[in-house]
N, C-alpha and C. Protein backbone atom coordinates (compact mmCIF):
# COMPACT_ATOMS: atom_id res chain seq x y z
N MET A 1 -81.89 31.23 -39.41
CA MET A 1 -82.23 29.85 -39.75
C MET A 1 -81.83 28.91 -38.61
N LYS A 2 -80.65 29.17 -37.99
CA LYS A 2 -80.20 28.32 -36.89
C LYS A 2 -81.21 28.33 -35.75
N ARG A 3 -81.76 29.51 -35.46
CA ARG A 3 -82.73 29.63 -34.37
C ARG A 3 -84.00 28.84 -34.66
N LEU A 4 -84.45 28.90 -35.91
CA LEU A 4 -85.65 28.17 -36.29
C LEU A 4 -85.44 26.67 -36.13
N VAL A 5 -84.33 26.16 -36.61
CA VAL A 5 -84.02 24.73 -36.49
C VAL A 5 -83.88 24.34 -35.01
N LEU A 6 -83.16 25.16 -34.26
CA LEU A 6 -82.99 24.89 -32.84
C LEU A 6 -84.33 24.92 -32.11
N GLY A 7 -85.18 25.87 -32.47
CA GLY A 7 -86.51 25.97 -31.86
C GLY A 7 -87.36 24.76 -32.18
N ILE A 8 -87.34 24.30 -33.41
CA ILE A 8 -88.11 23.12 -33.81
C ILE A 8 -87.59 21.88 -33.10
N LEU A 9 -86.26 21.73 -33.01
CA LEU A 9 -85.69 20.59 -32.30
C LEU A 9 -86.06 20.61 -30.83
N THR A 10 -86.02 21.78 -30.23
CA THR A 10 -86.38 21.90 -28.81
C THR A 10 -87.84 21.53 -28.59
N LEU A 11 -88.73 22.07 -29.42
CA LEU A 11 -90.16 21.76 -29.28
C LEU A 11 -90.43 20.28 -29.51
N SER A 12 -89.81 19.70 -30.53
CA SER A 12 -90.05 18.27 -30.78
C SER A 12 -89.51 17.42 -29.65
N LEU A 13 -88.40 17.84 -29.06
CA LEU A 13 -87.86 17.11 -27.93
C LEU A 13 -88.79 17.21 -26.73
N ILE A 14 -89.29 18.39 -26.45
CA ILE A 14 -90.21 18.58 -25.32
C ILE A 14 -91.48 17.78 -25.54
N PHE A 15 -92.11 17.95 -26.70
CA PHE A 15 -93.36 17.24 -26.94
C PHE A 15 -93.14 15.74 -27.13
N GLY A 16 -92.01 15.39 -27.71
CA GLY A 16 -91.71 13.96 -27.88
C GLY A 16 -91.57 13.26 -26.54
N LEU A 17 -90.90 13.89 -25.60
CA LEU A 17 -90.74 13.27 -24.28
C LEU A 17 -92.06 13.17 -23.55
N ASN A 18 -92.90 14.18 -23.67
CA ASN A 18 -94.20 14.13 -23.01
C ASN A 18 -95.10 13.09 -23.66
N GLY A 19 -95.06 12.97 -24.97
CA GLY A 19 -95.94 12.05 -25.67
C GLY A 19 -95.48 10.61 -25.61
N CYS A 20 -94.23 10.35 -25.25
CA CYS A 20 -93.70 8.99 -25.28
C CYS A 20 -93.52 8.38 -23.90
N SER A 21 -94.18 8.93 -22.91
CA SER A 21 -94.01 8.36 -21.57
C SER A 21 -94.56 6.94 -21.55
N ASP A 22 -93.81 6.06 -20.91
CA ASP A 22 -94.23 4.66 -20.81
C ASP A 22 -95.39 4.55 -19.83
N GLU A 23 -96.49 4.03 -20.33
CA GLU A 23 -97.63 3.79 -19.46
C GLU A 23 -97.38 2.51 -18.70
N GLU A 24 -97.84 2.48 -17.47
CA GLU A 24 -97.74 1.25 -16.71
C GLU A 24 -98.99 0.42 -16.96
N ALA A 25 -98.79 -0.85 -17.13
CA ALA A 25 -99.92 -1.75 -17.37
C ALA A 25 -100.82 -1.77 -16.13
N PRO A 26 -102.13 -1.86 -16.34
CA PRO A 26 -103.06 -1.92 -15.21
C PRO A 26 -103.15 -3.33 -14.62
N ILE A 27 -102.30 -4.21 -15.12
CA ILE A 27 -102.32 -5.62 -14.70
C ILE A 27 -100.90 -6.13 -14.48
N LYS A 28 -100.82 -7.20 -13.70
CA LYS A 28 -99.56 -7.94 -13.53
C LYS A 28 -99.85 -9.35 -14.02
N VAL A 29 -98.90 -9.94 -14.74
CA VAL A 29 -99.11 -11.27 -15.31
C VAL A 29 -98.03 -12.23 -14.84
N ASN A 30 -98.46 -13.39 -14.36
CA ASN A 30 -97.55 -14.48 -13.98
C ASN A 30 -97.95 -15.72 -14.74
N ALA A 31 -96.98 -16.52 -15.10
CA ALA A 31 -97.26 -17.78 -15.79
C ALA A 31 -96.66 -18.93 -15.00
N LEU A 32 -97.33 -20.09 -15.10
CA LEU A 32 -96.80 -21.31 -14.50
C LEU A 32 -97.32 -22.49 -15.31
N LYS A 33 -96.72 -23.64 -15.07
CA LYS A 33 -97.16 -24.87 -15.73
C LYS A 33 -97.63 -25.84 -14.65
N TYR A 34 -98.88 -26.25 -14.77
CA TYR A 34 -99.37 -27.31 -13.90
C TYR A 34 -98.94 -28.63 -14.53
N VAL A 35 -98.23 -29.44 -13.78
CA VAL A 35 -97.75 -30.73 -14.29
C VAL A 35 -98.60 -31.82 -13.67
N THR A 36 -99.24 -32.61 -14.53
CA THR A 36 -100.08 -33.71 -14.07
C THR A 36 -99.61 -35.01 -14.71
N ASN A 37 -99.95 -36.10 -14.07
CA ASN A 37 -99.65 -37.42 -14.60
C ASN A 37 -100.96 -38.15 -14.76
N MET A 38 -101.41 -38.26 -16.02
CA MET A 38 -102.67 -38.93 -16.30
C MET A 38 -102.39 -40.22 -17.04
N MET A 39 -102.73 -41.32 -16.41
CA MET A 39 -102.58 -42.64 -17.01
C MET A 39 -101.16 -42.87 -17.52
N GLY A 40 -100.18 -42.44 -16.74
CA GLY A 40 -98.79 -42.66 -17.09
C GLY A 40 -98.18 -41.63 -18.01
N PHE A 41 -98.94 -40.66 -18.45
CA PHE A 41 -98.43 -39.62 -19.33
C PHE A 41 -98.36 -38.29 -18.59
N GLU A 42 -97.19 -37.68 -18.62
CA GLU A 42 -97.03 -36.38 -17.98
C GLU A 42 -97.51 -35.29 -18.93
N GLN A 43 -98.36 -34.42 -18.41
CA GLN A 43 -98.84 -33.29 -19.19
C GLN A 43 -98.48 -32.00 -18.48
N LYS A 44 -98.06 -31.02 -19.25
CA LYS A 44 -97.74 -29.70 -18.71
C LYS A 44 -98.76 -28.71 -19.27
N ILE A 45 -99.55 -28.15 -18.37
CA ILE A 45 -100.62 -27.26 -18.77
C ILE A 45 -100.25 -25.82 -18.41
N PRO A 46 -100.01 -24.98 -19.42
CA PRO A 46 -99.65 -23.60 -19.13
C PRO A 46 -100.84 -22.79 -18.64
N VAL A 47 -100.60 -22.00 -17.60
CA VAL A 47 -101.65 -21.18 -17.00
C VAL A 47 -101.10 -19.78 -16.82
N VAL A 48 -101.93 -18.79 -17.10
CA VAL A 48 -101.57 -17.39 -16.93
C VAL A 48 -102.49 -16.79 -15.88
N LYS A 49 -101.90 -16.16 -14.88
CA LYS A 49 -102.65 -15.49 -13.81
C LYS A 49 -102.49 -13.98 -14.01
N ILE A 50 -103.62 -13.30 -14.13
CA ILE A 50 -103.62 -11.86 -14.39
C ILE A 50 -104.21 -11.15 -13.19
N THR A 51 -103.40 -10.34 -12.53
CA THR A 51 -103.83 -9.62 -11.33
C THR A 51 -104.08 -8.16 -11.68
N SER A 52 -105.22 -7.63 -11.25
CA SER A 52 -105.54 -6.23 -11.48
C SER A 52 -104.75 -5.34 -10.53
N LEU A 53 -104.14 -4.29 -11.08
CA LEU A 53 -103.41 -3.31 -10.29
C LEU A 53 -104.16 -1.98 -10.21
N VAL A 54 -105.39 -1.97 -10.73
CA VAL A 54 -106.24 -0.78 -10.70
C VAL A 54 -107.59 -1.16 -10.10
N ASP A 55 -108.42 -0.15 -9.84
CA ASP A 55 -109.72 -0.40 -9.22
C ASP A 55 -110.55 -1.41 -10.00
N SER A 56 -110.50 -1.32 -11.32
CA SER A 56 -111.28 -2.24 -12.15
C SER A 56 -110.71 -2.24 -13.56
N VAL A 57 -110.56 -3.43 -14.13
CA VAL A 57 -110.11 -3.56 -15.51
C VAL A 57 -110.90 -4.70 -16.15
N LYS A 58 -111.36 -4.47 -17.36
CA LYS A 58 -112.09 -5.49 -18.10
C LYS A 58 -111.13 -6.19 -19.05
N ILE A 59 -110.94 -7.48 -18.85
CA ILE A 59 -110.07 -8.29 -19.70
C ILE A 59 -110.96 -8.97 -20.73
N THR A 60 -110.72 -8.67 -22.00
CA THR A 60 -111.57 -9.25 -23.04
C THR A 60 -111.01 -10.55 -23.60
N ASN A 61 -109.68 -10.67 -23.62
CA ASN A 61 -109.09 -11.90 -24.15
C ASN A 61 -107.62 -11.97 -23.74
N VAL A 62 -107.08 -13.18 -23.76
CA VAL A 62 -105.66 -13.41 -23.48
C VAL A 62 -105.14 -14.32 -24.59
N ILE A 63 -104.33 -13.75 -25.47
CA ILE A 63 -103.85 -14.47 -26.65
C ILE A 63 -102.43 -14.95 -26.40
N ALA A 64 -102.21 -16.25 -26.52
CA ALA A 64 -100.89 -16.83 -26.24
C ALA A 64 -100.17 -17.17 -27.55
N ASN A 65 -98.88 -16.85 -27.58
CA ASN A 65 -98.01 -17.19 -28.72
C ASN A 65 -98.63 -16.79 -30.06
N ASN A 66 -99.08 -15.55 -30.16
CA ASN A 66 -99.69 -15.02 -31.39
C ASN A 66 -100.88 -15.84 -31.86
N GLY A 67 -101.60 -16.45 -30.93
CA GLY A 67 -102.77 -17.26 -31.27
C GLY A 67 -102.46 -18.72 -31.55
N ASN A 68 -101.20 -19.12 -31.42
CA ASN A 68 -100.81 -20.50 -31.70
C ASN A 68 -101.07 -21.45 -30.54
N CYS A 69 -101.30 -20.93 -29.35
CA CYS A 69 -101.73 -21.75 -28.22
C CYS A 69 -103.20 -21.45 -27.96
N LYS A 70 -103.99 -22.47 -27.91
CA LYS A 70 -105.43 -22.28 -27.74
C LYS A 70 -105.81 -22.36 -26.27
N MET A 71 -106.64 -21.39 -25.85
CA MET A 71 -107.16 -21.41 -24.49
C MET A 71 -108.18 -22.54 -24.39
N THR A 72 -108.22 -23.20 -23.22
CA THR A 72 -109.19 -24.27 -23.04
C THR A 72 -110.60 -23.69 -23.11
N ALA A 73 -111.54 -24.50 -23.56
CA ALA A 73 -112.92 -24.04 -23.72
C ALA A 73 -113.52 -23.57 -22.40
N ILE A 74 -113.18 -24.26 -21.33
CA ILE A 74 -113.71 -23.88 -20.01
C ILE A 74 -113.25 -22.48 -19.64
N ARG A 75 -111.97 -22.19 -19.83
CA ARG A 75 -111.44 -20.87 -19.48
C ARG A 75 -111.91 -19.79 -20.45
N GLN A 76 -112.04 -20.14 -21.73
CA GLN A 76 -112.47 -19.16 -22.74
C GLN A 76 -113.85 -18.60 -22.41
N LYS A 77 -114.72 -19.42 -21.81
CA LYS A 77 -116.06 -18.98 -21.45
C LYS A 77 -116.05 -17.89 -20.38
N GLU A 78 -114.94 -17.77 -19.64
CA GLU A 78 -114.85 -16.80 -18.56
C GLU A 78 -114.49 -15.39 -19.04
N PHE A 79 -114.20 -15.24 -20.32
CA PHE A 79 -113.83 -13.94 -20.86
C PHE A 79 -114.90 -13.46 -21.82
N PRO A 80 -115.19 -12.16 -21.84
CA PRO A 80 -114.56 -11.10 -21.06
C PRO A 80 -114.99 -11.15 -19.60
N GLN A 81 -114.12 -10.63 -18.75
CA GLN A 81 -114.44 -10.51 -17.33
C GLN A 81 -113.79 -9.27 -16.75
N THR A 82 -114.47 -8.70 -15.76
CA THR A 82 -113.96 -7.52 -15.07
C THR A 82 -113.29 -7.97 -13.78
N VAL A 83 -112.07 -7.47 -13.55
CA VAL A 83 -111.29 -7.86 -12.39
C VAL A 83 -111.04 -6.62 -11.54
N LYS A 84 -111.36 -6.72 -10.28
CA LYS A 84 -111.15 -5.62 -9.33
C LYS A 84 -109.72 -5.66 -8.80
N TYR A 85 -109.29 -4.56 -8.18
CA TYR A 85 -107.94 -4.43 -7.65
C TYR A 85 -107.56 -5.62 -6.76
N GLY A 86 -106.44 -6.25 -7.07
CA GLY A 86 -105.92 -7.36 -6.27
C GLY A 86 -106.51 -8.72 -6.62
N ASN A 87 -107.58 -8.74 -7.39
CA ASN A 87 -108.18 -10.02 -7.78
C ASN A 87 -107.51 -10.56 -9.04
N VAL A 88 -107.74 -11.85 -9.30
CA VAL A 88 -107.00 -12.55 -10.36
C VAL A 88 -107.96 -13.20 -11.35
N ALA A 89 -107.64 -13.07 -12.63
CA ALA A 89 -108.29 -13.82 -13.70
C ALA A 89 -107.30 -14.88 -14.16
N THR A 90 -107.81 -16.05 -14.52
CA THR A 90 -106.94 -17.16 -14.92
C THR A 90 -107.26 -17.60 -16.34
N ALA A 91 -106.22 -17.74 -17.15
CA ALA A 91 -106.35 -18.26 -18.50
C ALA A 91 -105.49 -19.52 -18.59
N GLY A 92 -106.12 -20.63 -18.95
CA GLY A 92 -105.40 -21.89 -19.09
C GLY A 92 -105.38 -22.32 -20.55
N TYR A 93 -104.31 -22.96 -20.97
CA TYR A 93 -104.14 -23.33 -22.37
C TYR A 93 -104.00 -24.84 -22.53
N THR A 94 -104.08 -25.29 -23.76
CA THR A 94 -103.99 -26.71 -24.03
C THR A 94 -102.63 -27.25 -23.60
N ALA A 95 -102.63 -28.51 -23.22
CA ALA A 95 -101.44 -29.16 -22.66
C ALA A 95 -100.25 -29.07 -23.61
N ASN A 96 -99.09 -28.94 -22.98
CA ASN A 96 -97.80 -28.96 -23.67
C ASN A 96 -97.56 -27.80 -24.63
N CYS A 97 -98.34 -26.74 -24.52
CA CYS A 97 -98.07 -25.52 -25.29
C CYS A 97 -96.81 -24.89 -24.70
N ASN A 98 -95.85 -24.54 -25.52
CA ASN A 98 -94.62 -23.90 -25.08
C ASN A 98 -94.88 -22.40 -24.99
N LEU A 99 -95.39 -21.96 -23.86
CA LEU A 99 -95.81 -20.58 -23.68
C LEU A 99 -94.60 -19.64 -23.65
N LEU A 100 -94.55 -18.73 -24.62
CA LEU A 100 -93.46 -17.75 -24.70
C LEU A 100 -93.94 -16.34 -24.43
N LYS A 101 -95.17 -16.03 -24.86
CA LYS A 101 -95.70 -14.70 -24.61
C LYS A 101 -97.22 -14.72 -24.64
N VAL A 102 -97.79 -13.72 -23.98
CA VAL A 102 -99.23 -13.50 -24.05
C VAL A 102 -99.50 -12.04 -24.32
N LYS A 103 -100.59 -11.80 -24.99
CA LYS A 103 -101.09 -10.45 -25.20
C LYS A 103 -102.44 -10.38 -24.50
N VAL A 104 -102.54 -9.49 -23.52
CA VAL A 104 -103.77 -9.35 -22.74
C VAL A 104 -104.51 -8.14 -23.28
N LEU A 105 -105.72 -8.38 -23.77
CA LEU A 105 -106.55 -7.31 -24.32
C LEU A 105 -107.47 -6.80 -23.22
N THR A 106 -107.43 -5.50 -22.94
CA THR A 106 -108.24 -4.92 -21.88
C THR A 106 -108.94 -3.66 -22.38
N ASP A 107 -109.85 -3.16 -21.56
CA ASP A 107 -110.51 -1.90 -21.89
C ASP A 107 -109.58 -0.71 -21.66
N GLN A 108 -108.37 -0.96 -21.15
CA GLN A 108 -107.39 0.09 -20.90
C GLN A 108 -106.14 -0.09 -21.76
N GLY A 109 -106.31 -0.80 -22.87
CA GLY A 109 -105.20 -1.03 -23.79
C GLY A 109 -104.81 -2.49 -23.83
N ASP A 110 -103.96 -2.82 -24.78
CA ASP A 110 -103.47 -4.18 -24.95
C ASP A 110 -102.04 -4.23 -24.41
N TRP A 111 -101.71 -5.31 -23.72
CA TRP A 111 -100.42 -5.42 -23.04
C TRP A 111 -99.79 -6.76 -23.36
N GLU A 112 -98.51 -6.75 -23.73
CA GLU A 112 -97.81 -7.97 -24.09
C GLU A 112 -96.76 -8.29 -23.03
N PHE A 113 -96.69 -9.57 -22.68
CA PHE A 113 -95.75 -10.06 -21.68
C PHE A 113 -95.03 -11.27 -22.24
N THR A 114 -93.73 -11.37 -22.00
CA THR A 114 -92.95 -12.52 -22.45
C THR A 114 -92.43 -13.29 -21.24
N PHE A 115 -92.13 -14.57 -21.48
CA PHE A 115 -91.69 -15.46 -20.40
C PHE A 115 -90.44 -16.20 -20.83
N ASP A 116 -89.51 -16.36 -19.90
CA ASP A 116 -88.29 -17.13 -20.16
C ASP A 116 -88.36 -18.49 -19.47
N ASN A 117 -88.41 -18.47 -18.18
CA ASN A 117 -88.46 -19.71 -17.40
C ASN A 117 -89.75 -19.75 -16.61
N ILE A 118 -90.65 -20.60 -17.03
CA ILE A 118 -91.94 -20.70 -16.35
C ILE A 118 -91.83 -21.81 -15.30
N PRO A 119 -92.11 -21.47 -14.05
CA PRO A 119 -92.02 -22.50 -13.00
C PRO A 119 -93.10 -23.57 -13.16
N GLU A 120 -92.76 -24.77 -12.74
CA GLU A 120 -93.70 -25.90 -12.80
C GLU A 120 -94.25 -26.16 -11.41
N GLN A 121 -95.53 -26.49 -11.37
CA GLN A 121 -96.18 -26.84 -10.12
C GLN A 121 -96.86 -28.19 -10.33
N TYR A 122 -96.45 -29.17 -9.53
CA TYR A 122 -97.00 -30.51 -9.67
C TYR A 122 -98.33 -30.60 -8.95
N VAL A 123 -99.33 -31.14 -9.64
CA VAL A 123 -100.66 -31.32 -9.07
C VAL A 123 -101.06 -32.78 -9.22
N GLN A 124 -101.93 -33.20 -8.34
CA GLN A 124 -102.36 -34.61 -8.39
C GLN A 124 -103.76 -34.75 -8.87
């Protein structure tokens, strides 16, 4: 009986390790806030830059804060889009959204990224 249990544990450990390997995302994600001053009001517009790390990846959508931050209509029209290695897709969201995480839906799986300190970039 000990051998059977030991054999089952060994097999599950071997197959478990092979089946649980962490896949690397085919994309890299960076976030920033464009800060603008329109008519005396400062607005912070969160933007997500998605860089392809593979020959080609199709990005179907970029969901921010579990859908609580809405992508701007102009940027939403750009998805789905296919991005080649080293090229960037951009997703912009409505002003003053407190961007904490995004889920990027691709033809190679869905990938979630979280953010702590998003740098601000002032634009005129």
